[in-house]
Amino acid sequence: MGTATTTKSFCYYSYELRYRWLKPCAYYYQPKLQDDSVIVSVLNAITDRHLRWGFPKCFNRIRKLGYQWNHKRVYRVYCELKLNLRVKRKKRIPPRCPEKLFVPNKQGECCSMDFMSDSSRNQDIQCHR
């Protein structure tokens, strides 16, 4: 009998929450606000020195400096500071118009060059026999 009265006295939340499978610790949870000023100062120091570095390089440098911040938290601050760089896309090349191949009119007419003929006829080359 005593247990029924004590369970009713410890029931601070409504029955609606109880039936929705929400625990009281989750219902009354208030997140702790964290100060991001240290992250801001470190990111500004890195990006002032290296202007064209993106987020991965900045985050790797932060890790090398010894900070153990979560990458999602650092990226959130990185985007709030508007440091994310624009991704440059490749230019589109217009399609080339194919030209017809040269068809010789006479027999023996061709459209080729022999680049080695000039060097083999050169007088300066000495052949060793």
Protein backbone atom coordinates (compact mmCIF):
# COMPACT_ATOMS: atom_id res chain seq x y z
CA MET A 1 0.00 0.00 0.00
CA GLY A 2 2.81 2.39 0.85
CA THR A 3 4.50 1.83 -2.49
CA ALA A 4 1.51 2.99 -4.51
CA THR A 5 1.41 6.36 -2.78
CA THR A 6 5.16 6.88 -3.15
CA THR A 7 5.10 6.15 -6.88
CA LYS A 8 2.35 8.72 -7.38
CA SER A 9 4.31 11.37 -5.51
CA PHE A 10 7.40 10.88 -7.72
CA CYS A 11 5.42 11.18 -10.93
CA TYR A 12 6.23 14.79 -11.98
CA TYR A 13 5.50 14.46 -15.67
CA SER A 14 2.15 13.98 -17.32
CA TYR A 15 0.76 10.70 -18.51
CA GLU A 16 0.85 11.94 -22.12
CA LEU A 17 4.64 12.03 -22.02
CA ARG A 18 4.72 8.64 -20.37
CA TYR A 19 2.69 7.06 -23.13
CA ARG A 20 4.72 8.71 -25.89
CA TRP A 21 7.84 6.86 -24.70
CA LEU A 22 9.65 10.05 -23.75
CA LYS A 23 11.79 9.77 -20.68
CA PRO A 24 11.73 12.62 -18.15
CA CYS A 25 15.48 13.19 -18.42
CA ALA A 26 15.05 13.84 -22.14
CA TYR A 27 12.02 16.06 -21.58
CA TYR A 28 13.71 18.30 -19.04
CA TYR A 29 17.13 18.34 -20.73
CA GLN A 30 18.64 21.76 -21.35
CA PRO A 31 21.76 21.76 -23.54
CA LYS A 32 24.90 23.44 -22.31
CA LEU A 33 25.99 26.31 -24.53
CA GLN A 34 29.66 26.06 -25.39
CA ASP A 35 31.94 28.99 -26.05
CA ASP A 36 33.36 28.88 -29.58
CA SER A 37 35.61 31.93 -29.24
CA VAL A 38 38.77 29.79 -29.06
CA ILE A 39 37.80 27.97 -32.28
CA VAL A 40 37.08 31.31 -33.97
CA SER A 41 40.47 32.73 -33.01
CA VAL A 42 42.37 29.60 -34.14
CA LEU A 43 40.50 29.45 -37.46
CA ASN A 44 41.08 33.15 -38.11
CA ALA A 45 44.78 32.77 -37.36
CA ILE A 46 45.10 29.86 -39.80
CA THR A 47 43.08 31.46 -42.60
CA ASP A 48 44.90 34.79 -42.28
CA ARG A 49 48.15 33.03 -43.00
CA HIS A 50 46.86 30.56 -45.62
CA LEU A 51 44.13 32.24 -47.67
CA ARG A 52 43.40 29.44 -50.14
CA TRP A 53 43.24 26.58 -47.65
CA GLY A 54 39.91 24.80 -47.47
CA PHE A 55 38.31 23.17 -44.46
CA PRO A 56 40.18 19.83 -44.55
CA LYS A 57 43.61 21.47 -44.48
CA CYS A 58 42.54 23.90 -41.75
CA PHE A 59 41.13 21.07 -39.66
CA ASN A 60 44.29 18.99 -40.08
CA ARG A 61 46.38 21.95 -38.94
CA ILE A 62 44.11 22.38 -35.89
CA ARG A 63 44.66 18.71 -35.04
CA LYS A 64 48.44 19.13 -35.43
CA LEU A 65 48.30 22.09 -33.05
CA GLY A 66 46.88 19.72 -30.42
CA TYR A 67 43.20 20.68 -30.24
CA GLN A 68 40.74 17.77 -30.07
CA TRP A 69 37.56 19.45 -31.29
CA ASN A 70 34.92 17.55 -33.24
CA HIS A 71 35.11 18.18 -37.01
CA LYS A 72 31.36 18.92 -37.16
CA ARG A 73 31.69 21.61 -34.53
CA VAL A 74 34.71 23.16 -36.26
CA TYR A 75 32.92 23.06 -39.63
CA ARG A 76 29.87 24.78 -38.13
CA VAL A 77 32.07 27.62 -36.87
CA TYR A 78 33.96 27.63 -40.19
CA CYS A 79 30.70 28.18 -42.09
CA GLU A 80 29.44 30.79 -39.60
CA LEU A 81 32.60 32.80 -40.29
CA LYS A 82 31.87 32.43 -44.04
CA LEU A 83 35.31 31.01 -44.70
CA ASN A 84 34.12 28.28 -47.05
CA LEU A 85 35.60 28.79 -50.49
CA ARG A 86 33.76 28.79 -53.78
CA VAL A 87 34.29 25.63 -55.82
CA LYS A 88 35.40 26.60 -59.32
CA ARG A 89 33.85 24.42 -61.99
CA LYS A 90 35.54 23.61 -65.28
CA LYS A 91 34.68 25.74 -68.28
CA ARG A 92 32.56 24.07 -70.88
CA ILE A 93 34.35 23.61 -74.19
CA PRO A 94 32.12 24.19 -77.21
CA PRO A 95 31.75 21.18 -79.50
CA ARG A 96 34.19 21.11 -82.39
CA CYS A 97 32.92 21.01 -85.95
CA PRO A 98 34.43 17.98 -87.68
CA GLU A 99 36.13 18.78 -91.00
CA LYS A 100 36.22 16.41 -93.93
CA LEU A 101 39.48 14.63 -94.63
CA PHE A 102 41.59 15.61 -97.63
CA VAL A 103 41.02 13.33 -100.62
CA PRO A 104 43.85 13.45 -103.21
CA ASN A 105 42.84 14.26 -106.80
CA LYS A 106 45.86 12.71 -108.55
CA GLN A 107 47.82 9.59 -107.95
CA GLY A 108 50.94 10.24 -105.86
CA GLU A 109 49.51 13.35 -104.21
CA CYS A 110 49.56 13.04 -100.45
CA CYS A 111 49.17 15.15 -97.39
CA SER A 112 52.04 14.05 -95.15
CA MET A 113 55.43 15.37 -94.09
CA ASP A 114 58.67 13.59 -93.49
CA PHE A 115 60.42 15.32 -90.62
CA MET A 116 63.47 13.07 -90.69
CA SER A 117 64.37 13.68 -94.34
CA ASP A 118 65.97 17.05 -93.57
CA SER A 119 68.18 15.69 -90.81
CA SER A 120 69.37 12.71 -92.85
CA ARG A 121 70.42 14.93 -95.79
CA ASN A 122 72.40 17.24 -93.55
CA GLN A 123 76.06 17.53 -94.55
CA ASP A 124 77.30 17.79 -90.97
CA ILE A 125 76.32 14.26 -90.04
CA GLN A 126 79.22 11.84 -90.37
CA CYS A 127 78.62 8.16 -90.82
CA HIS A 128 81.05 5.79 -89.14
CA ARG A 129 81.82 2.72 -91.21
